[in-house]
Amino acid sequence: MKNIYQKDIHFRLGYFADSFPVPHPSVEDYWLMPAKFEGNEWKLFVGKNYFRIFKQENLHSELKVQYCFIQAMSQKYIKDIDLIGEIQLFIPPSPDHELDTGWRASESWFTFIIPENLLLYLRGETNFIKYLKEKL
C-alpha cells in the first residue's frame, strides 16, 4: 500500500516481528506456533519477543514431518505482501481444515500445531522440564 507521497506504508503487524505462539483453541496442551521460512532458514516464534533460527537440516524431526504434510495439502495461500495482520497466521485456510499438523499462511509464513512439550524444548527449556519431573 502506498501513501499520497507514493512511499510504501508498512503496518506494524505486517512485519510480525513480535509474533508468538497461542494456545490451540480446542486441544489442550497444544499450541499454534508461527514460523517463517526464508532461504534455508526457519525462524520459529517460540515465545513473546523470542524466536529461534534453525537451518532446514537442523529443524526438529517432528516439524520436518509436519512441513511435508503441510506442503502435500497444497492449499492456496496468499503472498507475504498481502498479510496485513498477525491474526491471519492463526486462521486455518478453510473451516474443514484438519487441525493436526498446521497450515501455510502465505508464501513464507507457516503455522505449526505442536504439543507444549515440543514448544518448551524449542525454547530450550528442557532443564526446566527435567527439574519439574524430579520434583513430582
N, C-alpha and C. Protein backbone atom coordinates (compact mmCIF):
# COMPACT_ATOMS: atom_id res chain seq x y z
N MET A 1 0.85 -1.16 0.00
CA MET A 1 0.00 0.00 0.00
C MET A 1 0.90 1.23 0.00
N LYS A 2 0.51 2.26 -0.70
CA LYS A 2 1.32 3.47 -0.77
C LYS A 2 0.50 4.66 -0.26
N ASN A 3 1.21 5.62 0.34
CA ASN A 3 0.53 6.84 0.79
C ASN A 3 0.54 7.88 -0.34
N ILE A 4 0.10 9.09 -0.06
CA ILE A 4 -0.02 10.09 -1.12
C ILE A 4 1.33 10.50 -1.70
N TYR A 5 2.42 10.23 -0.98
CA TYR A 5 3.76 10.54 -1.48
C TYR A 5 4.38 9.37 -2.24
N GLN A 6 3.58 8.33 -2.50
CA GLN A 6 4.00 7.13 -3.21
C GLN A 6 5.13 6.39 -2.50
N LYS A 7 5.14 6.47 -1.18
CA LYS A 7 6.10 5.71 -0.39
C LYS A 7 5.36 4.54 0.23
N ASP A 8 6.05 3.42 0.36
CA ASP A 8 5.43 2.24 0.95
C ASP A 8 5.04 2.50 2.40
N ILE A 9 3.87 2.02 2.75
CA ILE A 9 3.40 2.06 4.13
C ILE A 9 3.50 0.64 4.67
N HIS A 10 4.16 0.50 5.80
CA HIS A 10 4.27 -0.82 6.43
C HIS A 10 3.46 -0.80 7.72
N PHE A 11 2.50 -1.68 7.79
CA PHE A 11 1.72 -1.79 9.02
C PHE A 11 2.60 -2.41 10.09
N ARG A 12 2.40 -2.01 11.32
CA ARG A 12 3.19 -2.56 12.42
C ARG A 12 3.11 -4.07 12.45
N LEU A 13 1.94 -4.62 12.26
CA LEU A 13 1.79 -6.06 12.29
C LEU A 13 2.28 -6.72 11.01
N GLY A 14 2.50 -5.94 9.97
CA GLY A 14 2.98 -6.51 8.73
C GLY A 14 4.33 -7.17 8.85
N TYR A 15 5.12 -6.71 9.81
CA TYR A 15 6.44 -7.30 9.99
C TYR A 15 6.39 -8.58 10.82
N PHE A 16 5.42 -8.70 11.68
CA PHE A 16 5.24 -9.88 12.52
C PHE A 16 6.46 -10.16 13.39
N ALA A 17 7.26 -9.13 13.65
CA ALA A 17 8.49 -9.33 14.41
C ALA A 17 8.23 -9.74 15.85
N ASP A 18 7.07 -9.40 16.37
CA ASP A 18 6.78 -9.75 17.76
C ASP A 18 5.73 -10.85 17.85
N SER A 19 5.70 -11.70 16.84
CA SER A 19 4.74 -12.80 16.83
C SER A 19 5.09 -13.80 17.93
N PHE A 20 4.12 -14.57 18.36
CA PHE A 20 4.36 -15.56 19.41
C PHE A 20 3.30 -16.65 19.33
N PRO A 21 3.57 -17.82 19.93
CA PRO A 21 2.59 -18.91 19.89
C PRO A 21 1.36 -18.59 20.74
N VAL A 22 0.23 -19.15 20.32
CA VAL A 22 -1.01 -19.00 21.09
C VAL A 22 -1.57 -20.39 21.37
N PRO A 23 -2.30 -20.55 22.47
CA PRO A 23 -2.88 -21.86 22.77
C PRO A 23 -3.85 -22.30 21.67
N HIS A 24 -3.85 -23.58 21.42
CA HIS A 24 -4.79 -24.14 20.44
C HIS A 24 -6.21 -23.90 20.95
N PRO A 25 -7.13 -23.49 20.08
CA PRO A 25 -8.47 -23.14 20.54
C PRO A 25 -9.29 -24.31 21.06
N SER A 26 -8.95 -25.54 20.67
CA SER A 26 -9.81 -26.65 21.11
C SER A 26 -9.06 -27.87 21.65
N VAL A 27 -7.75 -27.91 21.54
CA VAL A 27 -6.98 -29.07 22.02
C VAL A 27 -6.06 -28.62 23.15
N GLU A 28 -6.27 -29.21 24.31
CA GLU A 28 -5.50 -28.82 25.48
C GLU A 28 -4.03 -29.21 25.33
N ASP A 29 -3.15 -28.36 25.83
CA ASP A 29 -1.70 -28.57 25.82
C ASP A 29 -1.09 -28.58 24.42
N TYR A 30 -1.77 -27.97 23.46
CA TYR A 30 -1.22 -27.79 22.12
C TYR A 30 -1.21 -26.30 21.79
N TRP A 31 -0.27 -25.91 20.94
CA TRP A 31 -0.06 -24.51 20.62
C TRP A 31 0.00 -24.30 19.11
N LEU A 32 -0.41 -23.11 18.68
CA LEU A 32 -0.25 -22.69 17.30
C LEU A 32 1.02 -21.83 17.27
N MET A 33 2.05 -22.33 16.59
CA MET A 33 3.33 -21.65 16.57
C MET A 33 3.62 -21.08 15.18
N PRO A 34 3.73 -19.76 15.06
CA PRO A 34 4.08 -19.16 13.78
C PRO A 34 5.55 -19.45 13.43
N ALA A 35 5.79 -19.59 12.14
CA ALA A 35 7.16 -19.83 11.67
C ALA A 35 7.32 -19.19 10.29
N LYS A 36 8.51 -18.66 10.06
CA LYS A 36 8.80 -18.06 8.76
C LYS A 36 9.97 -18.80 8.13
N PHE A 37 9.79 -19.19 6.87
CA PHE A 37 10.82 -19.92 6.14
C PHE A 37 11.39 -19.02 5.05
N GLU A 38 12.68 -18.72 5.15
CA GLU A 38 13.34 -17.88 4.15
C GLU A 38 14.66 -18.53 3.77
N GLY A 39 14.86 -18.71 2.47
CA GLY A 39 16.09 -19.34 2.01
C GLY A 39 16.16 -20.76 2.53
N ASN A 40 17.11 -21.01 3.40
CA ASN A 40 17.26 -22.33 4.02
C ASN A 40 17.10 -22.23 5.53
N GLU A 41 16.47 -21.15 6.02
CA GLU A 41 16.35 -20.94 7.45
C GLU A 41 14.90 -20.84 7.90
N TRP A 42 14.66 -21.42 9.06
CA TRP A 42 13.36 -21.32 9.73
C TRP A 42 13.51 -20.38 10.90
N LYS A 43 12.61 -19.42 11.00
CA LYS A 43 12.52 -18.58 12.19
C LYS A 43 11.26 -19.03 12.91
N LEU A 44 11.45 -19.69 14.06
CA LEU A 44 10.34 -20.21 14.85
C LEU A 44 10.05 -19.24 15.99
N PHE A 45 8.83 -18.77 16.07
CA PHE A 45 8.43 -17.83 17.11
C PHE A 45 7.92 -18.65 18.29
N VAL A 46 8.80 -18.85 19.28
CA VAL A 46 8.53 -19.77 20.38
C VAL A 46 8.12 -19.08 21.67
N GLY A 47 8.08 -17.77 21.69
CA GLY A 47 7.67 -17.05 22.88
C GLY A 47 7.49 -15.57 22.57
N LYS A 48 6.98 -14.85 23.53
CA LYS A 48 6.79 -13.40 23.36
C LYS A 48 8.16 -12.75 23.22
N ASN A 49 8.37 -12.06 22.10
CA ASN A 49 9.65 -11.43 21.77
C ASN A 49 10.82 -12.42 21.79
N TYR A 50 10.55 -13.66 21.40
CA TYR A 50 11.59 -14.69 21.42
C TYR A 50 11.40 -15.62 20.24
N PHE A 51 12.42 -15.71 19.41
CA PHE A 51 12.38 -16.65 18.29
C PHE A 51 13.70 -17.39 18.22
N ARG A 52 13.66 -18.53 17.57
CA ARG A 52 14.86 -19.35 17.35
C ARG A 52 15.01 -19.55 15.86
N ILE A 53 16.24 -19.57 15.39
CA ILE A 53 16.51 -19.77 13.97
C ILE A 53 17.18 -21.13 13.79
N PHE A 54 16.65 -21.90 12.84
CA PHE A 54 17.18 -23.23 12.52
C PHE A 54 17.40 -23.33 11.02
N LYS A 55 18.44 -24.01 10.63
CA LYS A 55 18.63 -24.38 9.23
C LYS A 55 17.65 -25.52 8.93
N GLN A 56 17.31 -25.71 7.68
CA GLN A 56 16.37 -26.77 7.30
C GLN A 56 16.85 -28.13 7.81
N GLU A 57 18.15 -28.41 7.70
CA GLU A 57 18.67 -29.71 8.12
C GLU A 57 18.69 -29.88 9.64
N ASN A 58 18.65 -28.78 10.40
CA ASN A 58 18.67 -28.85 11.87
C ASN A 58 17.29 -28.72 12.50
N LEU A 59 16.29 -28.56 11.68
CA LEU A 59 14.93 -28.42 12.19
C LEU A 59 14.52 -29.71 12.90
N HIS A 60 13.78 -29.59 13.98
CA HIS A 60 13.32 -30.76 14.73
C HIS A 60 12.57 -31.71 13.79
N SER A 61 12.79 -33.01 13.96
CA SER A 61 12.23 -34.00 13.04
C SER A 61 10.71 -33.96 12.98
N GLU A 62 10.06 -33.68 14.11
CA GLU A 62 8.59 -33.60 14.11
C GLU A 62 8.11 -32.45 13.22
N LEU A 63 8.82 -31.34 13.27
CA LEU A 63 8.45 -30.21 12.42
C LEU A 63 8.73 -30.48 10.95
N LYS A 64 9.78 -31.24 10.67
CA LYS A 64 10.07 -31.63 9.28
C LYS A 64 8.92 -32.45 8.70
N VAL A 65 8.42 -33.39 9.49
CA VAL A 65 7.30 -34.23 9.04
C VAL A 65 6.06 -33.37 8.84
N GLN A 66 5.78 -32.49 9.79
CA GLN A 66 4.62 -31.61 9.66
C GLN A 66 4.74 -30.74 8.41
N TYR A 67 5.93 -30.24 8.16
CA TYR A 67 6.16 -29.40 6.98
C TYR A 67 5.83 -30.18 5.71
N CYS A 68 6.24 -31.44 5.65
CA CYS A 68 5.93 -32.28 4.48
C CYS A 68 4.42 -32.43 4.29
N PHE A 69 3.71 -32.67 5.38
CA PHE A 69 2.25 -32.80 5.29
C PHE A 69 1.60 -31.49 4.85
N ILE A 70 2.07 -30.40 5.39
CA ILE A 70 1.52 -29.09 5.02
C ILE A 70 1.74 -28.82 3.54
N GLN A 71 2.94 -29.11 3.06
CA GLN A 71 3.24 -28.92 1.64
C GLN A 71 2.37 -29.83 0.77
N ALA A 72 2.14 -31.06 1.23
CA ALA A 72 1.36 -32.03 0.45
C ALA A 72 -0.11 -31.63 0.35
N MET A 73 -0.60 -30.89 1.33
CA MET A 73 -2.00 -30.48 1.30
C MET A 73 -2.27 -29.49 0.18
N SER A 74 -1.25 -28.84 -0.29
CA SER A 74 -1.29 -27.89 -1.41
C SER A 74 -2.48 -26.94 -1.38
N GLN A 75 -2.74 -26.38 -0.21
CA GLN A 75 -3.78 -25.36 -0.09
C GLN A 75 -3.32 -24.09 -0.78
N LYS A 76 -4.25 -23.30 -1.24
CA LYS A 76 -3.89 -22.00 -1.78
C LYS A 76 -3.44 -21.11 -0.64
N TYR A 77 -2.49 -20.26 -0.93
CA TYR A 77 -2.00 -19.33 0.08
C TYR A 77 -1.79 -17.98 -0.58
N ILE A 78 -1.68 -16.96 0.26
CA ILE A 78 -1.55 -15.60 -0.26
C ILE A 78 -0.08 -15.18 -0.29
N LYS A 79 0.20 -14.09 -0.94
CA LYS A 79 1.55 -13.54 -0.97
C LYS A 79 1.84 -12.89 0.37
N ASP A 80 3.11 -12.88 0.74
CA ASP A 80 3.51 -12.26 2.01
C ASP A 80 3.05 -10.81 2.10
N ILE A 81 3.15 -10.11 1.01
CA ILE A 81 2.80 -8.68 1.00
C ILE A 81 1.32 -8.45 1.32
N ASP A 82 0.49 -9.48 1.10
CA ASP A 82 -0.94 -9.35 1.36
C ASP A 82 -1.32 -9.64 2.81
N LEU A 83 -0.36 -10.08 3.61
CA LEU A 83 -0.61 -10.26 5.04
C LEU A 83 -0.65 -8.89 5.70
N ILE A 84 -1.77 -8.55 6.29
CA ILE A 84 -1.86 -7.23 6.92
C ILE A 84 -2.02 -7.32 8.43
N GLY A 85 -2.27 -8.49 8.95
CA GLY A 85 -2.43 -8.63 10.38
C GLY A 85 -1.99 -10.00 10.84
N GLU A 86 -1.41 -10.03 12.02
CA GLU A 86 -0.90 -11.28 12.58
C GLU A 86 -2.00 -12.33 12.75
N ILE A 87 -3.22 -11.88 12.93
CA ILE A 87 -4.33 -12.81 13.12
C ILE A 87 -4.46 -13.78 11.95
N GLN A 88 -4.03 -13.35 10.77
CA GLN A 88 -4.12 -14.21 9.60
C GLN A 88 -3.27 -15.48 9.75
N LEU A 89 -2.26 -15.44 10.59
CA LEU A 89 -1.43 -16.63 10.81
C LEU A 89 -2.18 -17.70 11.59
N PHE A 90 -3.19 -17.29 12.36
CA PHE A 90 -3.87 -18.22 13.25
C PHE A 90 -5.24 -18.67 12.74
N ILE A 91 -5.57 -18.29 11.53
CA ILE A 91 -6.85 -18.70 10.94
C ILE A 91 -6.58 -19.78 9.90
N PRO A 92 -7.12 -20.98 10.09
CA PRO A 92 -6.90 -22.05 9.10
C PRO A 92 -7.43 -21.64 7.73
N PRO A 93 -6.87 -22.22 6.66
CA PRO A 93 -7.27 -21.84 5.31
C PRO A 93 -8.71 -22.17 4.97
N SER A 94 -9.29 -23.15 5.64
CA SER A 94 -10.69 -23.49 5.40
C SER A 94 -11.30 -24.01 6.70
N PRO A 95 -12.62 -23.88 6.85
CA PRO A 95 -13.27 -24.31 8.10
C PRO A 95 -13.14 -25.81 8.36
N ASP A 96 -13.05 -26.61 7.30
CA ASP A 96 -12.95 -28.06 7.49
C ASP A 96 -11.51 -28.55 7.48
N HIS A 97 -10.57 -27.65 7.68
CA HIS A 97 -9.14 -27.98 7.66
C HIS A 97 -8.81 -28.92 8.81
N GLU A 98 -8.03 -29.94 8.51
CA GLU A 98 -7.57 -30.87 9.55
C GLU A 98 -6.60 -30.12 10.47
N LEU A 99 -6.94 -30.03 11.72
CA LEU A 99 -6.12 -29.25 12.66
C LEU A 99 -5.17 -30.13 13.46
N ASP A 100 -4.37 -30.93 12.75
CA ASP A 100 -3.43 -31.76 13.48
C ASP A 100 -1.97 -31.46 13.14
N THR A 101 -1.70 -30.81 12.04
CA THR A 101 -0.32 -30.51 11.68
C THR A 101 -0.07 -29.02 11.59
N GLY A 102 -0.94 -28.31 10.92
CA GLY A 102 -0.77 -26.89 10.71
C GLY A 102 -1.15 -26.51 9.30
N TRP A 103 -0.74 -25.32 8.87
CA TRP A 103 -1.09 -24.86 7.53
C TRP A 103 -0.09 -23.80 7.08
N ARG A 104 -0.17 -23.52 5.80
CA ARG A 104 0.65 -22.48 5.20
C ARG A 104 -0.20 -21.22 5.11
N ALA A 105 0.27 -20.15 5.73
CA ALA A 105 -0.50 -18.90 5.77
C ALA A 105 -0.18 -18.01 4.57
N SER A 106 1.05 -18.07 4.09
CA SER A 106 1.45 -17.24 2.94
C SER A 106 2.67 -17.88 2.28
N GLU A 107 3.32 -17.12 1.42
CA GLU A 107 4.50 -17.65 0.71
C GLU A 107 5.56 -18.19 1.67
N SER A 108 5.84 -17.46 2.72
CA SER A 108 6.91 -17.87 3.62
C SER A 108 6.47 -18.08 5.07
N TRP A 109 5.21 -17.81 5.39
CA TRP A 109 4.71 -17.97 6.76
C TRP A 109 3.90 -19.26 6.91
N PHE A 110 4.20 -20.00 7.98
CA PHE A 110 3.52 -21.24 8.30
C PHE A 110 3.05 -21.18 9.74
N THR A 111 2.05 -21.99 10.04
CA THR A 111 1.60 -22.15 11.42
C THR A 111 1.64 -23.64 11.74
N PHE A 112 2.45 -23.99 12.72
CA PHE A 112 2.58 -25.38 13.15
C PHE A 112 1.74 -25.60 14.39
N ILE A 113 1.09 -26.75 14.47
CA ILE A 113 0.36 -27.14 15.68
C ILE A 113 1.26 -28.12 16.42
N ILE A 114 1.71 -27.71 17.60
CA ILE A 114 2.70 -28.52 18.31
C ILE A 114 2.28 -28.73 19.76
N PRO A 115 2.70 -29.86 20.35
CA PRO A 115 2.42 -30.08 21.77
C PRO A 115 3.29 -29.15 22.63
N GLU A 116 2.81 -28.91 23.82
CA GLU A 116 3.50 -27.98 24.72
C GLU A 116 4.92 -28.43 25.03
N ASN A 117 5.14 -29.74 25.18
CA ASN A 117 6.49 -30.20 25.49
C ASN A 117 7.47 -29.91 24.35
N LEU A 118 7.01 -29.96 23.10
CA LEU A 118 7.88 -29.60 21.97
C LEU A 118 8.15 -28.09 21.98
N LEU A 119 7.15 -27.30 22.28
CA LEU A 119 7.34 -25.85 22.36
C LEU A 119 8.39 -25.52 23.43
N LEU A 120 8.28 -26.15 24.59
CA LEU A 120 9.26 -25.91 25.66
C LEU A 120 10.66 -26.35 25.22
N TYR A 121 10.73 -27.48 24.52
CA TYR A 121 12.02 -27.96 24.01
C TYR A 121 12.63 -26.96 23.04
N LEU A 122 11.80 -26.44 22.12
CA LEU A 122 12.28 -25.47 21.13
C LEU A 122 12.73 -24.18 21.80
N ARG A 123 12.14 -23.85 22.93
CA ARG A 123 12.57 -22.68 23.69
C ARG A 123 13.89 -22.92 24.41
N GLY A 124 14.25 -24.20 24.56
CA GLY A 124 15.46 -24.54 25.29
C GLY A 124 15.20 -24.76 26.75
N GLU A 125 13.97 -25.11 27.10
CA GLU A 125 13.59 -25.26 28.50
C GLU A 125 13.59 -26.72 28.94
N THR A 126 14.46 -27.55 28.37
CA THR A 126 14.47 -28.96 28.74
C THR A 126 14.93 -29.17 30.17
N ASN A 127 15.86 -28.34 30.65
CA ASN A 127 16.30 -28.46 32.04
C ASN A 127 15.16 -28.14 32.99
N PHE A 128 14.32 -27.19 32.62
CA PHE A 128 13.17 -26.83 33.44
C PHE A 128 12.20 -28.01 33.53
N ILE A 129 11.97 -28.69 32.42
CA ILE A 129 11.07 -29.85 32.40
C ILE A 129 11.65 -30.95 33.29
N LYS A 130 12.95 -31.21 33.17
CA LYS A 130 13.62 -32.23 34.00
C LYS A 130 13.45 -31.90 35.48
N TYR A 131 13.64 -30.64 35.81
CA TYR A 131 13.52 -30.18 37.19
C TYR A 131 12.11 -30.45 37.72
N LEU A 132 11.10 -30.13 36.92
CA LEU A 132 9.71 -30.34 37.35
C LEU A 132 9.43 -31.81 37.55
N LYS A 133 9.91 -32.67 36.66
CA LYS A 133 9.68 -34.11 36.77
C LYS A 133 10.34 -34.68 38.02
N GLU A 134 11.52 -34.18 38.35
CA GLU A 134 12.23 -34.65 39.53
C GLU A 134 11.50 -34.24 40.82
N LYS A 135 10.84 -33.10 40.80
CA LYS A 135 10.13 -32.61 41.97
C LYS A 135 8.82 -33.36 42.22
N LEU A 136 8.28 -34.01 41.19
CA LEU A 136 6.98 -34.70 41.33
C LEU A 136 7.13 -36.03 41.98
